[in-house]
PDB file of N, CA and C in Angstrom:
ATOM      1  N   LEU A   1     -20.025  11.920 117.877  1.00  0.00           N
ATOM      2  CA  LEU A   1     -19.470  12.536 116.716  1.00  0.00           C
ATOM      3  C   LEU A   1     -18.408  11.243 117.053  1.00  0.00           C
ATOM      4  N   ILE A   2     -17.773  11.160 117.785  1.00  0.00           N
ATOM      5  CA  ILE A   2     -16.836   9.793 118.641  1.00  0.00           C
ATOM      6  C   ILE A   2     -16.897   8.725 118.268  1.00  0.00           C
ATOM      7  N   HIS A   3     -18.692   8.498 118.875  1.00  0.00           N
ATOM      8  CA  HIS A   3     -18.883   7.236 118.010  1.00  0.00           C
ATOM      9  C   HIS A   3     -18.986   6.619 116.915  1.00  0.00           C
ATOM     10  N   HIS A   4     -19.196   7.576 116.180  1.00  0.00           N
ATOM     11  CA  HIS A   4     -19.410   7.432 114.580  1.00  0.00           C
ATOM     12  C   HIS A   4     -17.831   6.887 113.707  1.00  0.00           C
ATOM     13  N   LEU A   5     -17.196   8.065 114.362  1.00  0.00           N
ATOM     14  CA  LEU A   5     -15.793   7.661 113.863  1.00  0.00           C
ATOM     15  C   LEU A   5     -15.168   7.156 114.195  1.00  0.00           C
ATOM     16  N   PHE A   6     -15.510   5.989 114.827  1.00  0.00           N
ATOM     17  CA  PHE A   6     -14.859   4.676 115.730  1.00  0.00           C
ATOM     18  C   PHE A   6     -15.408   3.674 115.311  1.00  0.00           C
ATOM     19  N   GLN A   7     -16.823   3.784 114.754  1.00  0.00           N
ATOM     20  CA  GLN A   7     -17.296   2.673 113.873  1.00  0.00           C
ATOM     21  C   GLN A   7     -17.154   3.064 112.516  1.00  0.00           C
ATOM     22  N   PHE A   8     -16.703   4.126 111.960  1.00  0.00           N
ATOM     23  CA  PHE A   8     -15.962   4.105 110.775  1.00  0.00           C
ATOM     24  C   PHE A   8     -15.173   3.493 110.654  1.00  0.00           C
ATOM     25  N   LEU A   9     -13.762   4.007 111.499  1.00  0.00           N
ATOM     26  CA  LEU A   9     -12.547   3.435 111.679  1.00  0.00           C
ATOM     27  C   LEU A   9     -12.938   1.992 112.224  1.00  0.00           C
ATOM     28  N   GLU A  10     -13.127   0.982 113.465  1.00  0.00           N
ATOM     29  CA  GLU A  10     -13.646   0.269 112.720  1.00  0.00           C
ATOM     30  C   GLU A  10     -13.487  -0.801 111.196  1.00  0.00           C
ATOM     31  N   GLN A  11     -14.848  -0.099 110.669  1.00  0.00           N
ATOM     32  CA  GLN A  11     -15.526  -0.868 109.332  1.00  0.00           C
ATOM     33  C   GLN A  11     -13.524  -0.207 108.463  1.00  0.00           C
ATOM     34  N   PHE A  12     -13.455   0.925 108.532  1.00  0.00           N
ATOM     35  CA  PHE A  12     -12.631   0.083 106.946  1.00  0.00           C
ATOM     36  C   PHE A  12     -10.698  -0.222 107.962  1.00  0.00           C
ATOM     37  N   LEU A  13     -10.570  -0.853 109.155  1.00  0.00           N
ATOM     38  CA  LEU A  13      -9.797  -1.294 109.852  1.00  0.00           C
ATOM     39  C   LEU A  13     -10.300  -2.983 108.881  1.00  0.00           C
ATOM     40  N   LEU A  14     -11.594  -3.038 109.028  1.00  0.00           N
ATOM     41  CA  LEU A  14     -12.045  -4.640 108.696  1.00  0.00           C
ATOM     42  C   LEU A  14     -11.862  -5.015 107.669  1.00  0.00           C
ATOM     43  N   ALA A  15     -12.450  -3.564 106.218  1.00  0.00           N
ATOM     44  CA  ALA A  15     -13.044  -3.955 105.015  1.00  0.00           C
ATOM     45  C   ALA A  15     -12.008  -2.917 104.004  1.00  0.00           C
ATOM     46  N   GLY A  16     -10.949  -2.191 104.556  1.00  0.00           N
ATOM     47  CA  GLY A  16     -10.740  -1.228 103.767  1.00  0.00           C
ATOM     48  C   GLY A  16     -11.143  -0.703 103.027  1.00  0.00           C
ATOM     49  N   PHE A  17     -10.542   0.177 102.116  1.00  0.00           N
ATOM     50  CA  PHE A  17     -11.378   2.178 101.361  1.00  0.00           C
ATOM     51  C   PHE A  17     -12.431   1.283 100.497  1.00  0.00           C
ATOM     52  N   ALA A  18     -12.268  -0.490 100.346  1.00  0.00           N
ATOM     53  CA  ALA A  18     -13.770  -0.277  99.692  1.00  0.00           C
ATOM     54  C   ALA A  18     -15.150  -0.673  99.716  1.00  0.00           C
ATOM     55  N   ARG A  19     -14.799  -0.734 101.096  1.00  0.00           N
ATOM     56  CA  ARG A  19     -15.693  -1.001 102.051  1.00  0.00           C
ATOM     57  C   ARG A  19     -16.785   0.822 102.100  1.00  0.00           C
ATOM     58  N   PHE A  20     -15.800   2.021 101.493  1.00  0.00           N
ATOM     59  CA  PHE A  20     -16.017   3.361 101.574  1.00  0.00           C
ATOM     60  C   PHE A  20     -16.844   3.357 100.383  1.00  0.00           C
ATOM     61  N   MET A  21     -16.184   3.169  98.541  1.00  0.00           N
ATOM     62  CA  MET A  21     -15.736   3.635  97.574  1.00  0.00           C
ATOM     63  C   MET A  21     -16.940   4.201  96.886  1.00  0.00           C
ATOM     64  N   GLU A  22     -18.256   3.314  96.943  1.00  0.00           N
ATOM     65  CA  GLU A  22     -19.390   3.700  96.717  1.00  0.00           C
ATOM     66  C   GLU A  22     -19.640   5.492  97.040  1.00  0.00           C
ATOM     67  N   GLN A  23     -19.880   5.650  98.265  1.00  0.00           N
ATOM     68  CA  GLN A  23     -20.384   6.398  99.359  1.00  0.00           C
ATOM     69  C   GLN A  23     -19.058   7.861  98.549  1.00  0.00           C
ATOM     70  N   TRP A  24     -18.180   7.411  98.833  1.00  0.00           N
ATOM     71  CA  TRP A  24     -16.856   8.150  97.306  1.00  0.00           C
ATOM     72  C   TRP A  24     -17.805   8.973  96.680  1.00  0.00           C
ATOM     73  N   GLN A  25     -17.949   7.729  95.107  1.00  0.00           N
ATOM     74  CA  GLN A  25     -17.831   8.240  94.109  1.00  0.00           C
ATOM     75  C   GLN A  25     -19.423   9.128  93.971  1.00  0.00           C
ATOM     76  N   ASN A  26     -19.727   9.420  94.493  1.00  0.00           N
ATOM     77  CA  ASN A  26     -21.810   9.933  95.097  1.00  0.00           C
ATOM     78  C   ASN A  26     -21.169  11.438  95.688  1.00  0.00           C
ATOM     79  N   VAL A  27     -20.212  11.397  96.150  1.00  0.00           N
ATOM     80  CA  VAL A  27     -20.070  12.445  96.502  1.00  0.00           C
ATOM     81  C   VAL A  27     -18.256  13.377  96.021  1.00  0.00           C
ATOM     82  N   ASP A  28     -17.407  12.533  94.888  1.00  0.00           N
ATOM     83  CA  ASP A  28     -16.573  12.919  94.384  1.00  0.00           C
ATOM     84  C   ASP A  28     -16.826  13.972  93.384  1.00  0.00           C
ATOM     85  N   TYR A  29     -15.990  15.938  93.784  1.00  0.00           N
ATOM     86  CA  TYR A  29     -16.422  16.851  93.772  1.00  0.00           C
ATOM     87  C   TYR A  29     -16.062  16.836  92.100  1.00  0.00           C
ATOM     88  N   LEU A  30     -14.759  16.787  92.266  1.00  0.00           N
ATOM     89  CA  LEU A  30     -13.978  16.357  90.710  1.00  0.00           C
ATOM     90  C   LEU A  30     -14.633  15.606  89.999  1.00  0.00           C
ATOM     91  N   GLN A  31     -14.983  14.583  89.495  1.00  0.00           N
ATOM     92  CA  GLN A  31     -15.127  13.876  88.740  1.00  0.00           C
ATOM     93  C   GLN A  31     -15.396  13.988  87.469  1.00  0.00           C
ATOM     94  N   GLY A  32     -14.691  14.257  86.434  1.00  0.00           N
ATOM     95  CA  GLY A  32     -15.368  14.261  85.776  1.00  0.00           C
ATOM     96  C   GLY A  32     -15.143  15.737  85.455  1.00  0.00           C
ATOM     97  N   LYS A  33     -13.997  16.316  85.892  1.00  0.00           N
ATOM     98  CA  LYS A  33     -13.324  17.470  85.964  1.00  0.00           C
ATOM     99  C   LYS A  33     -11.942  17.520  85.508  1.00  0.00           C
ATOM    100  N   LEU A  34     -12.067  18.513  84.340  1.00  0.00           N
ATOM    101  CA  LEU A  34     -10.653  18.542  84.076  1.00  0.00           C
ATOM    102  C   LEU A  34      -9.356  20.372  84.809  1.00  0.00           C
ATOM    103  N   ILE A  35      -9.251  18.979  85.341  1.00  0.00           N
ATOM    104  CA  ILE A  35      -7.522  18.893  86.625  1.00  0.00           C
ATOM    105  C   ILE A  35      -6.703  19.607  86.234  1.00  0.00           C
ATOM    106  N   ARG A  36      -5.423  20.199  86.607  1.00  0.00           N
ATOM    107  CA  ARG A  36      -4.211  20.115  86.744  1.00  0.00           C
ATOM    108  C   ARG A  36      -4.123  19.683  88.584  1.00  0.00           C
ATOM    109  N   VAL A  37      -2.874  18.812  87.573  1.00  0.00           N
ATOM    110  CA  VAL A  37      -2.028  18.143  89.607  1.00  0.00           C
ATOM    111  C   VAL A  37       0.270  18.997  89.387  1.00  0.00           C
ATOM    112  N   ASN A  38      -0.217  19.516  90.383  1.00  0.00           N
ATOM    113  CA  ASN A  38       1.343  19.796  90.597  1.00  0.00           C
ATOM    114  C   ASN A  38       1.593  19.454  91.440  1.00  0.00           C
ATOM    115  N   GLN A  39       3.109  18.842  90.698  1.00  0.00           N
ATOM    116  CA  GLN A  39       3.838  17.983  91.347  1.00  0.00           C
ATOM    117  C   GLN A  39       5.165  18.467  91.716  1.00  0.00           C
ATOM    118  N   GLN A  40       6.596  18.144  93.058  1.00  0.00           N
ATOM    119  CA  GLN A  40       7.180  19.159  92.699  1.00  0.00           C
ATOM    120  C   GLN A  40       8.049  18.889  91.591  1.00  0.00           C
ATOM    121  N   ASN A  41       8.504  17.958  91.099  1.00  0.00           N
ATOM    122  CA  ASN A  41       9.342  17.934  89.091  1.00  0.00           C
ATOM    123  C   ASN A  41       8.872  18.851  88.009  1.00  0.00           C
ATOM    124  N   HIS A  42       6.798  18.615  88.090  1.00  0.00           N
ATOM    125  CA  HIS A  42       6.050  19.161  86.790  1.00  0.00           C
ATOM    126  C   HIS A  42       4.699  19.287  87.811  1.00  0.00           C
ATOM    127  N   SER A  43       3.812  19.352  86.458  1.00  0.00           N
ATOM    128  CA  SER A  43       2.615  19.843  86.329  1.00  0.00           C
ATOM    129  C   SER A  43       1.938  18.397  85.779  1.00  0.00           C
ATOM    130  N   LEU A  44       1.028  17.668  85.358  1.00  0.00           N
ATOM    131  CA  LEU A  44       0.180  16.967  84.749  1.00  0.00           C
ATOM    132  C   LEU A  44      -1.860  17.715  84.960  1.00  0.00           C
ATOM    133  N   SER A  45      -2.389  17.933  83.192  1.00  0.00           N
ATOM    134  CA  SER A  45      -3.245  18.257  83.516  1.00  0.00           C
ATOM    135  C   SER A  45      -4.354  17.211  82.447  1.00  0.00           C
ATOM    136  N   GLY A  46      -5.132  17.103  82.704  1.00  0.00           N
ATOM    137  CA  GLY A  46      -6.842  15.757  82.379  1.00  0.00           C
ATOM    138  C   GLY A  46      -8.286  15.962  83.429  1.00  0.00           C
ATOM    139  N   TYR A  47      -8.464  14.486  82.780  1.00  0.00           N
ATOM    140  CA  TYR A  47     -10.074  15.411  83.908  1.00  0.00           C
ATOM    141  C   TYR A  47      -9.952  13.938  84.511  1.00  0.00           C
ATOM    142  N   ALA A  48      -9.916  14.452  85.592  1.00  0.00           N
ATOM    143  CA  ALA A  48     -10.565  13.581  87.004  1.00  0.00           C
ATOM    144  C   ALA A  48     -11.212  12.220  86.941  1.00  0.00           C
ATOM    145  N   CYS A  49     -10.251  10.573  87.125  1.00  0.00           N
ATOM    146  CA  CYS A  49     -11.508   9.777  87.379  1.00  0.00           C
ATOM    147  C   CYS A  49     -11.888   8.699  88.387  1.00  0.00           C
ATOM    148  N   GLY A  50     -11.820   9.925  89.642  1.00  0.00           N
ATOM    149  CA  GLY A  50     -12.317   8.904  90.650  1.00  0.00           C
ATOM    150  C   GLY A  50     -11.144   8.472  91.576  1.00  0.00           C
ATOM    151  N   ILE A  51     -11.473   7.758  92.205  1.00  0.00           N
ATOM    152  CA  ILE A  51      -9.799   7.418  93.101  1.00  0.00           C
ATOM    153  C   ILE A  51     -10.346   6.301  93.250  1.00  0.00           C
ATOM    154  N   THR A  52      -8.590   5.478  93.730  1.00  0.00           N
ATOM    155  CA  THR A  52      -8.622   3.753  93.853  1.00  0.00           C
ATOM    156  C   THR A  52      -8.922   3.050  95.023  1.00  0.00           C
ATOM    157  N   GLU A  53      -8.862   2.252  95.648  1.00  0.00           N
ATOM    158  CA  GLU A  53      -9.230   1.760  96.523  1.00  0.00           C
ATOM    159  C   GLU A  53      -8.035   1.894  97.772  1.00  0.00           C
ATOM    160  N   LEU A  54      -6.882   2.698  97.097  1.00  0.00           N
ATOM    161  CA  LEU A  54      -5.579   3.225  97.818  1.00  0.00           C
ATOM    162  C   LEU A  54      -5.426   4.672  98.064  1.00  0.00           C
ATOM    163  N   GLY A  55      -6.778   5.292  97.329  1.00  0.00           N
ATOM    164  CA  GLY A  55      -7.179   6.395  98.433  1.00  0.00           C
ATOM    165  C   GLY A  55      -6.404   7.402  96.540  1.00  0.00           C
ATOM    166  N   GLN A  56      -5.647   6.681  95.001  1.00  0.00           N
ATOM    167  CA  GLN A  56      -5.214   7.133  94.363  1.00  0.00           C
ATOM    168  C   GLN A  56      -6.021   8.523  93.375  1.00  0.00           C
ATOM    169  N   LEU A  57      -5.779   9.539  92.291  1.00  0.00           N
ATOM    170  CA  LEU A  57      -6.630   9.959  92.165  1.00  0.00           C
ATOM    171  C   LEU A  57      -6.012   9.266  90.782  1.00  0.00           C
ATOM    172  N   CYS A  58      -7.116   9.369  90.163  1.00  0.00           N
ATOM    173  CA  CYS A  58      -6.696   8.936  88.826  1.00  0.00           C
ATOM    174  C   CYS A  58      -7.036  10.048  87.584  1.00  0.00           C
ATOM    175  N   LEU A  59      -6.528  10.072  86.936  1.00  0.00           N
ATOM    176  CA  LEU A  59      -6.480  11.366  86.037  1.00  0.00           C
ATOM    177  C   LEU A  59      -6.177  10.955  84.869  1.00  0.00           C
ATOM    178  N   LYS A  60      -7.283  11.181  83.677  1.00  0.00           N
ATOM    179  CA  LYS A  60      -6.609  10.749  82.724  1.00  0.00           C
ATOM    180  C   LYS A  60      -6.265  11.735  81.301  1.00  0.00           C
ATOM    181  N   ASP A  61      -5.084  11.943  80.606  1.00  0.00           N
ATOM    182  CA  ASP A  61      -4.659  13.231  80.445  1.00  0.00           C
ATOM    183  C   ASP A  61      -5.374  13.253  78.561  1.00  0.00           C
ATOM    184  N   GLU A  62      -4.622  14.116  78.314  1.00  0.00           N
ATOM    185  CA  GLU A  62      -5.399  14.272  77.065  1.00  0.00           C
ATOM    186  C   GLU A  62      -5.076  13.461  75.795  1.00  0.00           C
ATOM    187  N   GLN A  63      -3.661  12.171  75.919  1.00  0.00           N
ATOM    188  CA  GLN A  63      -3.169  11.209  74.988  1.00  0.00           C
ATOM    189  C   GLN A  63      -4.095  10.486  75.047  1.00  0.00           C
ATOM    190  N   GLY A  64      -4.989  10.709  76.295  1.00  0.00           N
ATOM    191  CA  GLY A  64      -5.625   9.181  76.945  1.00  0.00           C
ATOM    192  C   GLY A  64      -5.515   7.782  77.566  1.00  0.00           C
ATOM    193  N   LYS A  65      -3.516   8.949  78.169  1.00  0.00           N
ATOM    194  CA  LYS A  65      -2.627   7.516  79.340  1.00  0.00           C
ATOM    195  C   LYS A  65      -3.765   8.104  81.064  1.00  0.00           C
ATOM    196  N   THR A  66      -3.894   7.493  81.484  1.00  0.00           N
ATOM    197  CA  THR A  66      -3.924   7.160  82.894  1.00  0.00           C
ATOM    198  C   THR A  66      -2.902   7.256  83.169  1.00  0.00           C
ATOM    199  N   HIS A  67      -3.207   8.517  84.946  1.00  0.00           N
ATOM    200  CA  HIS A  67      -2.478   8.552  85.639  1.00  0.00           C
ATOM    201  C   HIS A  67      -2.418   7.955  86.764  1.00  0.00           C
ATOM    202  N   TYR A  68      -1.784   8.217  88.161  1.00  0.00           N
ATOM    203  CA  TYR A  68      -2.542   7.878  89.286  1.00  0.00           C
ATOM    204  C   TYR A  68      -1.654   8.122  90.452  1.00  0.00           C
ATOM    205  N   LEU A  69      -1.913   9.451  91.010  1.00  0.00           N
ATOM    206  CA  LEU A  69      -1.655   9.980  91.800  1.00  0.00           C
ATOM    207  C   LEU A  69      -1.777   9.716  93.093  1.00  0.00           C
ATOM    208  N   SER A  70      -0.539   9.998  93.923  1.00  0.00           N
ATOM    209  CA  SER A  70      -0.378  10.208  95.652  1.00  0.00           C
ATOM    210  C   SER A  70      -0.477  10.966  96.409  1.00  0.00           C
ATOM    211  N   THR A  71       0.560  11.889  95.930  1.00  0.00           N
ATOM    212  CA  THR A  71       0.583  13.458  95.811  1.00  0.00           C
ATOM    213  C   THR A  71       0.892  14.641  94.689  1.00  0.00           C
ATOM    214  N   GLY A  72       0.386  15.773  95.419  1.00  0.00           N
ATOM    215  CA  GLY A  72       0.154  16.359  94.163  1.00  0.00           C
ATOM    216  C   GLY A  72      -0.454  17.808  95.173  1.00  0.00           C
ATOM    217  N   ASP A  73      -0.419  19.073  94.383  1.00  0.00           N
ATOM    218  CA  ASP A  73      -1.422  20.056  94.554  1.00  0.00           C
ATOM    219  C   ASP A  73      -2.074  19.408  93.547  1.00  0.00           C
ATOM    220  N   THR A  74      -3.867  20.172  93.200  1.00  0.00           N
ATOM    221  CA  THR A  74      -4.401  19.500  92.362  1.00  0.00           C
ATOM    222  C   THR A  74      -5.549  21.171  92.228  1.00  0.00           C
ATOM    223  N   SER A  75      -5.918  21.383  91.364  1.00  0.00           N
ATOM    224  CA  SER A  75      -6.607  22.246  90.988  1.00  0.00           C
ATOM    225  C   SER A  75      -7.419  22.686  89.842  1.00  0.00           C
ATOM    226  N   LEU A  76      -8.362  23.368  89.244  1.00  0.00           N
ATOM    227  CA  LEU A  76      -9.058  23.428  88.658  1.00  0.00           C
ATOM    228  C   LEU A  76      -8.888  24.360  88.090  1.00  0.00           C
TER     229      LEU A  76
END
Protein backbone atom coordinates (compact mmCIF):
# COMPACT_ATOMS: atom_id res chain seq x y z
CA LEU A 1 0.00 0.00 0.00
CA ILE A 2 2.74 2.44 0.95
CA HIS A 3 4.63 1.63 -2.25
CA HIS A 4 1.53 2.46 -4.36
CA LEU A 5 0.85 5.64 -2.41
CA PHE A 6 4.44 6.72 -2.97
CA GLN A 7 4.10 6.09 -6.72
CA PHE A 8 0.91 8.16 -6.91
CA LEU A 9 2.52 10.94 -4.89
CA GLU A 10 5.46 11.04 -7.29
CA GLN A 11 3.06 11.25 -10.26
CA PHE A 12 1.12 14.02 -8.54
CA LEU A 13 4.28 16.01 -7.84
CA LEU A 14 5.41 15.67 -11.46
CA ALA A 15 2.12 16.24 -13.31
CA GLY A 16 -0.31 17.63 -10.75
CA PHE A 17 -3.91 16.59 -10.42
CA ALA A 18 -4.36 16.71 -14.21
CA ARG A 19 -2.74 13.27 -14.30
CA PHE A 20 -5.69 11.87 -12.30
CA MET A 21 -8.63 13.85 -13.79
CA GLU A 22 -9.90 11.06 -16.06
CA GLN A 23 -9.77 8.50 -13.27
CA TRP A 24 -11.59 10.90 -10.95
CA GLN A 25 -14.34 11.53 -13.51
CA ASN A 26 -14.93 7.78 -13.85
CA VAL A 27 -15.74 7.42 -10.14
CA ASP A 28 -17.23 10.86 -9.32
CA TYR A 29 -20.41 9.97 -7.42
CA LEU A 30 -21.74 13.54 -7.32
CA GLN A 31 -21.42 14.19 -11.09
CA GLY A 32 -24.79 15.38 -12.41
CA LYS A 33 -26.57 15.12 -9.06
CA LEU A 34 -28.56 17.91 -7.44
CA ILE A 35 -26.59 18.99 -4.38
CA ARG A 36 -26.50 21.68 -1.72
CA VAL A 37 -23.25 23.19 -0.48
CA ASN A 38 -23.38 24.95 2.87
CA GLN A 39 -20.68 27.50 3.53
CA GLN A 40 -20.11 29.74 6.51
CA ASN A 41 -22.54 32.53 5.57
CA HIS A 42 -24.70 31.03 2.83
CA SER A 43 -25.62 27.94 0.86
CA LEU A 44 -25.82 27.13 -2.84
CA SER A 45 -27.93 24.54 -4.63
CA GLY A 46 -27.40 23.18 -8.11
CA TYR A 47 -25.98 20.34 -10.14
CA ALA A 48 -22.48 18.99 -9.54
CA CYS A 49 -20.37 19.35 -12.69
CA GLY A 50 -17.17 17.64 -11.56
CA ILE A 51 -14.03 19.29 -10.26
CA THR A 52 -11.30 21.50 -11.65
CA GLU A 53 -7.60 20.65 -11.87
CA LEU A 54 -7.24 22.59 -8.62
CA GLY A 55 -9.72 20.28 -6.90
CA GLN A 56 -12.54 22.84 -6.76
CA LEU A 57 -16.10 21.53 -6.97
CA CYS A 58 -18.01 22.91 -9.98
CA LEU A 59 -21.67 23.62 -9.27
CA LYS A 60 -24.14 24.97 -11.81
CA ASP A 61 -27.00 26.80 -10.08
CA GLU A 62 -30.63 27.11 -11.21
CA GLN A 63 -29.82 30.31 -13.14
CA GLY A 64 -27.11 28.52 -15.12
CA LYS A 65 -24.20 30.24 -13.36
CA THR A 66 -21.20 28.04 -12.58
CA HIS A 67 -19.59 28.33 -9.15
CA TYR A 68 -16.16 26.96 -8.23
CA LEU A 69 -16.04 25.97 -4.58
CA SER A 70 -13.04 25.11 -2.42
CA THR A 71 -14.84 24.74 0.92
CA GLY A 72 -18.23 23.79 2.27
CA ASP A 73 -20.35 20.89 3.46
CA THR A 74 -22.01 19.07 0.59
CA SER A 75 -25.27 17.13 0.79
CA LEU A 76 -27.58 15.46 -1.71
